[in-house]
Amino acid sequence: MDAKMMMAQHSNINNLALTSPYQRMMRFKHKSKAPFVVGVLTRPAENISQETNVYKDNWFDHLAINHLSKSVQASTGHSNNKSGYESLVEAAREAYKEFNSNQQKEVIIQALNRAFPRPILMLIRTILPPSKFAREYFAAFTTLFFAWLVGPSEVRESEINGKIEKNVVHIKKCRFLEETNCAGMCINLCKMPSQSFIKDSFGMPVNMVPNFDDMSCEMIFGQEPPPSTDDPALKQPCYRLCKIKQNHGRNCLS
């Protein structure tokens, strides 16, 4: 009897060896009665093999980047000698290292108020009260004139009050998140202050929804952001290769 069992086991091993991996998978699939999860990828290779976009900024891009960078430097009280987008990122890093999360938000709001004259903001708010036209206008304007800040984007549709509108900006891969590689800087220096600044300046609610898996983001004009306690973006861990965390040993969302 032992000899028969050994021969049967030997036969099964040979059968597996003579079948392809695909055939073995399909055989198992047909025998299995319950679904199973093979694997879940939440962060693609922890940033190790991601492609980096190369930007060719024109004169307008350089002008806008320099203006915002100087505004951030003036608000933080820390200047730097870098140029281009690197200067803006360095100014943001200084704000992030120097202040706590609440102060970071306020510092960036101050910088945005320096960068955009209040009379112009009030004029836009007056001639563009909240409406379908205003929401779609903000989405189109952001796509056309802020690629220097966030990278390429496109307008998408969503449902507002039961109607379809083109009020969503889909940022394919956020330039700021890609350059900083820090979820905390994305939340504290971009998402939270931008939401507050746009709402307070234009009366336009906007919900910014970053995707830390592929570094994309959606700006949904006309949608109120969730409370901080319920916002999924604020519950994300930072990237393993975050330079801020590595250099300063800190919780990036604190």
Protein backbone atom coordinates (compact mmCIF):
# COMPACT_ATOMS: atom_id res chain seq x y z
CA MET A 1 0.00 0.00 0.00
CA ASP A 2 2.88 2.38 0.74
CA ALA A 3 4.24 1.69 -2.71
CA LYS A 4 0.93 2.67 -4.33
CA MET A 5 0.80 5.93 -2.37
CA MET A 6 4.34 6.81 -3.40
CA MET A 7 3.53 6.06 -7.05
CA ALA A 8 0.41 8.26 -6.87
CA GLN A 9 2.35 11.17 -5.35
CA HIS A 10 5.05 10.75 -7.99
CA SER A 11 2.39 10.84 -10.72
CA ASN A 12 0.89 14.08 -9.32
CA ILE A 13 4.29 15.75 -9.24
CA ASN A 14 4.93 14.79 -12.86
CA ASN A 15 1.53 16.12 -13.91
CA LEU A 16 2.30 19.49 -12.31
CA ALA A 17 5.69 19.60 -13.97
CA LEU A 18 4.19 18.93 -17.40
CA THR A 19 1.59 21.66 -17.16
CA SER A 20 2.19 25.36 -17.70
CA PRO A 21 1.72 27.89 -14.85
CA TYR A 22 -1.35 29.21 -16.66
CA GLN A 23 -2.87 25.72 -16.84
CA ARG A 24 -2.21 25.08 -13.17
CA MET A 25 -3.79 28.44 -12.30
CA MET A 26 -6.88 27.68 -14.38
CA ARG A 27 -7.17 24.20 -12.85
CA PHE A 28 -7.08 25.70 -9.36
CA LYS A 29 -9.53 28.40 -10.37
CA HIS A 30 -12.13 25.89 -11.50
CA LYS A 31 -11.76 23.85 -8.31
CA SER A 32 -11.98 26.90 -5.99
CA LYS A 33 -15.47 27.88 -4.90
CA ALA A 34 -14.64 31.12 -3.07
CA PRO A 35 -12.96 34.29 -4.42
CA PHE A 36 -9.52 35.20 -3.14
CA VAL A 37 -7.17 38.19 -3.30
CA VAL A 38 -3.86 37.60 -5.01
CA GLY A 39 -2.36 40.96 -4.03
CA VAL A 40 -3.12 44.62 -3.41
CA LEU A 41 -0.77 47.41 -4.47
CA THR A 42 -1.40 50.59 -2.50
CA ARG A 43 1.80 52.47 -3.31
CA PRO A 44 3.61 51.62 -6.56
CA ALA A 45 6.99 50.26 -5.48
CA GLU A 46 7.25 52.88 -2.74
CA ASN A 47 8.39 55.54 -5.26
CA ILE A 48 11.49 53.56 -6.25
CA SER A 49 10.84 53.13 -9.97
CA GLN A 50 8.45 55.94 -10.81
CA GLU A 51 9.18 58.02 -13.87
CA THR A 52 9.88 61.70 -13.24
CA ASN A 53 8.30 64.29 -15.51
CA VAL A 54 10.61 66.79 -17.15
CA TYR A 55 9.16 70.31 -17.40
CA LYS A 56 10.21 72.91 -19.94
CA ASP A 57 8.98 76.10 -18.32
CA ASN A 58 8.45 79.10 -20.58
CA TRP A 59 8.89 82.76 -19.64
CA PHE A 60 5.39 82.99 -18.15
CA ASP A 61 5.96 79.83 -16.09
CA HIS A 62 9.26 81.18 -14.75
CA LEU A 63 7.63 84.51 -13.90
CA ALA A 64 4.74 82.86 -12.04
CA ILE A 65 6.98 80.38 -10.21
CA ASN A 66 9.39 83.10 -9.10
CA HIS A 67 6.53 85.36 -7.95
CA LEU A 68 4.92 82.64 -5.80
CA SER A 69 8.29 81.51 -4.45
CA LYS A 70 9.14 85.04 -3.34
CA SER A 71 5.71 85.35 -1.72
CA VAL A 72 6.26 82.15 0.27
CA GLN A 73 9.76 83.26 1.28
CA ALA A 74 8.44 86.62 2.46
CA SER A 75 5.73 84.93 4.53
CA THR A 76 8.14 82.48 6.19
CA GLY A 77 10.96 84.96 6.67
CA HIS A 78 13.42 82.52 5.05
CA SER A 79 14.96 83.31 1.68
CA ASN A 80 16.92 81.00 -0.61
CA ASN A 81 19.23 81.40 -3.59
CA LYS A 82 17.75 78.63 -5.72
CA SER A 83 15.96 79.31 -9.00
CA GLY A 84 12.91 78.04 -10.83
CA TYR A 85 10.63 75.44 -9.33
CA GLU A 86 13.44 74.30 -7.06
CA SER A 87 13.24 77.67 -5.33
CA LEU A 88 9.52 77.23 -4.69
CA VAL A 89 10.02 73.73 -3.32
CA GLU A 90 12.84 74.91 -1.06
CA ALA A 91 10.66 77.74 0.28
CA ALA A 92 7.89 75.24 0.97
CA ARG A 93 10.30 72.91 2.77
CA GLU A 94 11.44 75.74 5.01
CA ALA A 95 7.83 76.51 5.92
CA TYR A 96 7.22 72.84 6.61
CA LYS A 97 10.25 72.44 8.86
CA GLU A 98 9.76 75.72 10.72
CA PHE A 99 6.05 75.66 11.59
CA ASN A 100 3.44 73.22 12.87
CA SER A 101 0.56 72.06 10.67
CA ASN A 102 -1.82 74.89 11.59
CA GLN A 103 0.88 77.53 11.15
CA GLN A 104 1.88 76.04 7.81
CA LYS A 105 -1.65 76.53 6.50
CA GLU A 106 -1.73 80.14 7.68
CA VAL A 107 1.70 80.91 6.24
CA ILE A 108 0.69 79.66 2.79
CA ILE A 109 -2.59 81.59 2.91
CA GLN A 110 -0.54 84.72 3.69
CA ALA A 111 1.73 83.92 0.74
CA LEU A 112 -1.26 83.50 -1.59
CA ASN A 113 -2.69 86.82 -0.42
CA ARG A 114 0.67 88.42 -1.22
CA ALA A 115 0.78 86.77 -4.63
CA PHE A 116 -2.75 87.68 -5.73
CA PRO A 117 -3.85 91.30 -5.19
CA ARG A 118 -6.99 91.58 -3.07
CA PRO A 119 -8.80 94.02 -5.42
CA ILE A 120 -8.54 91.51 -8.29
CA LEU A 121 -9.83 88.71 -6.08
CA MET A 122 -12.79 90.81 -4.97
CA LEU A 123 -13.58 91.75 -8.57
CA ILE A 124 -13.63 88.10 -9.63
CA ARG A 125 -15.85 87.23 -6.68
CA THR A 126 -18.28 90.00 -7.65
CA ILE A 127 -18.62 89.11 -11.33
CA LEU A 128 -18.55 85.33 -10.78
CA PRO A 129 -20.94 84.40 -7.97
CA PRO A 130 -21.35 80.64 -7.36
CA SER A 131 -23.10 79.09 -10.36
CA LYS A 132 -22.60 76.38 -12.97
CA PHE A 133 -20.82 78.90 -15.20
CA ALA A 134 -18.50 79.93 -12.35
CA ARG A 135 -17.63 76.35 -11.43
CA GLU A 136 -16.87 75.43 -15.01
CA TYR A 137 -14.95 78.69 -15.51
CA PHE A 138 -12.71 78.01 -12.48
CA ALA A 139 -12.04 74.46 -13.72
CA ALA A 140 -11.11 75.62 -17.23
CA PHE A 141 -9.01 78.54 -15.94
CA THR A 142 -7.06 76.30 -13.56
CA THR A 143 -6.32 73.83 -16.34
CA LEU A 144 -5.08 76.53 -18.71
CA PHE A 145 -3.08 78.79 -16.41
CA PHE A 146 -1.75 76.69 -13.51
CA ALA A 147 0.10 73.89 -15.28
CA TRP A 148 3.34 75.56 -14.12
CA LEU A 149 2.34 74.83 -10.51
CA VAL A 150 0.64 71.42 -10.60
CA GLY A 151 1.54 69.95 -13.98
CA PRO A 152 -0.71 68.92 -16.90
CA SER A 153 -4.41 68.59 -16.13
CA GLU A 154 -7.75 68.20 -17.85
CA VAL A 155 -11.36 69.12 -17.19
CA ARG A 156 -13.70 66.31 -16.21
CA GLU A 157 -17.38 66.04 -15.37
CA SER A 158 -19.20 65.40 -12.12
CA GLU A 159 -22.74 65.64 -10.85
CA ILE A 160 -23.85 68.75 -8.99
CA ASN A 161 -27.42 68.96 -7.74
CA GLY A 162 -28.46 66.18 -10.08
CA LYS A 163 -26.91 67.77 -13.16
CA ILE A 164 -23.69 67.04 -15.02
CA GLU A 165 -21.11 69.83 -15.03
CA LYS A 166 -17.54 70.21 -16.23
CA ASN A 167 -16.35 71.35 -12.82
CA VAL A 168 -13.51 68.93 -12.04
CA VAL A 169 -9.81 69.47 -12.69
CA HIS A 170 -7.97 66.16 -12.95
CA ILE A 171 -4.25 66.68 -12.38
CA LYS A 172 -2.52 63.75 -14.02
CA LYS A 173 0.58 63.80 -11.81
CA CYS A 174 0.97 66.68 -9.39
CA ARG A 175 4.24 68.49 -9.93
CA PHE A 176 4.41 69.72 -6.34
CA LEU A 177 3.81 66.27 -4.85
CA GLU A 178 6.29 64.71 -7.25
CA GLU A 179 9.00 67.25 -6.38
CA THR A 180 8.46 67.18 -2.60
CA ASN A 181 7.67 63.46 -2.34
CA CYS A 182 5.91 64.19 0.95
CA ALA A 183 2.25 63.57 1.76
CA GLY A 184 2.42 66.01 4.67
CA MET A 185 3.62 68.88 2.48
CA CYS A 186 0.87 68.08 -0.02
CA ILE A 187 -1.80 68.25 2.70
CA ASN A 188 -0.51 71.14 4.83
CA LEU A 189 1.03 73.38 2.16
CA CYS A 190 -1.30 72.76 -0.79
CA LYS A 191 -4.63 71.03 -0.18
CA MET A 192 -5.74 72.66 3.09
CA PRO A 193 -4.60 76.27 2.45
CA SER A 194 -5.78 76.19 -1.19
CA GLN A 195 -9.25 75.01 -0.20
CA SER A 196 -9.54 77.78 2.39
CA PHE A 197 -8.04 80.48 0.16
CA ILE A 198 -10.34 79.74 -2.79
CA LYS A 199 -13.44 79.57 -0.58
CA ASP A 200 -12.61 82.77 1.33
CA SER A 201 -11.44 84.74 -1.72
CA PHE A 202 -14.03 83.71 -4.30
CA GLY A 203 -16.86 82.22 -2.27
CA MET A 204 -16.26 79.01 -4.23
CA PRO A 205 -16.01 75.75 -2.27
CA VAL A 206 -13.50 73.28 -3.65
CA ASN A 207 -12.55 69.81 -2.53
CA MET A 208 -9.04 68.68 -3.41
CA VAL A 209 -8.67 64.91 -3.50
CA PRO A 210 -5.05 63.72 -3.84
CA ASN A 211 -4.27 60.15 -4.85
CA PHE A 212 -1.00 59.19 -3.21
CA ASP A 213 -0.73 55.97 -5.21
CA ASP A 214 -0.24 57.62 -8.62
CA MET A 215 0.31 61.25 -7.46
CA SER A 216 -2.76 62.46 -9.32
CA CYS A 217 -5.28 64.86 -7.80
CA GLU A 218 -8.78 66.13 -8.44
CA MET A 219 -10.07 69.62 -7.68
CA ILE A 220 -13.86 69.49 -7.48
CA PHE A 221 -15.26 73.01 -7.68
CA GLY A 222 -18.60 73.46 -5.96
CA GLN A 223 -18.04 70.60 -3.51
CA GLU A 224 -17.38 71.29 0.16
CA PRO A 225 -14.38 69.36 1.49
CA PRO A 226 -15.07 66.89 4.31
CA PRO A 227 -14.19 67.82 7.90
CA SER A 228 -10.56 67.21 8.77
CA THR A 229 -11.54 64.35 11.07
CA ASP A 230 -13.27 62.54 8.18
CA ASP A 231 -10.97 63.40 5.29
CA PRO A 232 -9.25 60.21 4.01
CA ALA A 233 -6.32 62.25 2.69
CA LEU A 234 -5.34 63.24 6.24
CA LYS A 235 -5.11 59.61 7.32
CA GLN A 236 -2.51 58.55 4.76
CA PRO A 237 1.01 57.57 5.84
CA CYS A 238 3.85 59.35 4.11
CA TYR A 239 6.10 57.85 1.47
CA ARG A 240 8.95 55.63 2.62
CA LEU A 241 11.45 57.76 0.69
CA CYS A 242 10.16 61.09 2.03
CA LYS A 243 13.23 63.32 2.50
CA ILE A 244 11.61 65.37 5.25
CA LYS A 245 10.89 62.28 7.32
CA GLN A 246 14.33 60.81 6.71
CA ASN A 247 16.22 64.01 7.56
CA HIS A 248 14.14 65.13 10.52
CA GLY A 249 12.53 61.95 11.86
CA ARG A 250 9.06 63.49 12.08
CA ASN A 251 5.48 62.47 11.45
CA CYS A 252 4.79 64.22 8.17
CA LEU A 253 1.12 64.90 8.90
CA SER A 254 1.65 66.33 12.37
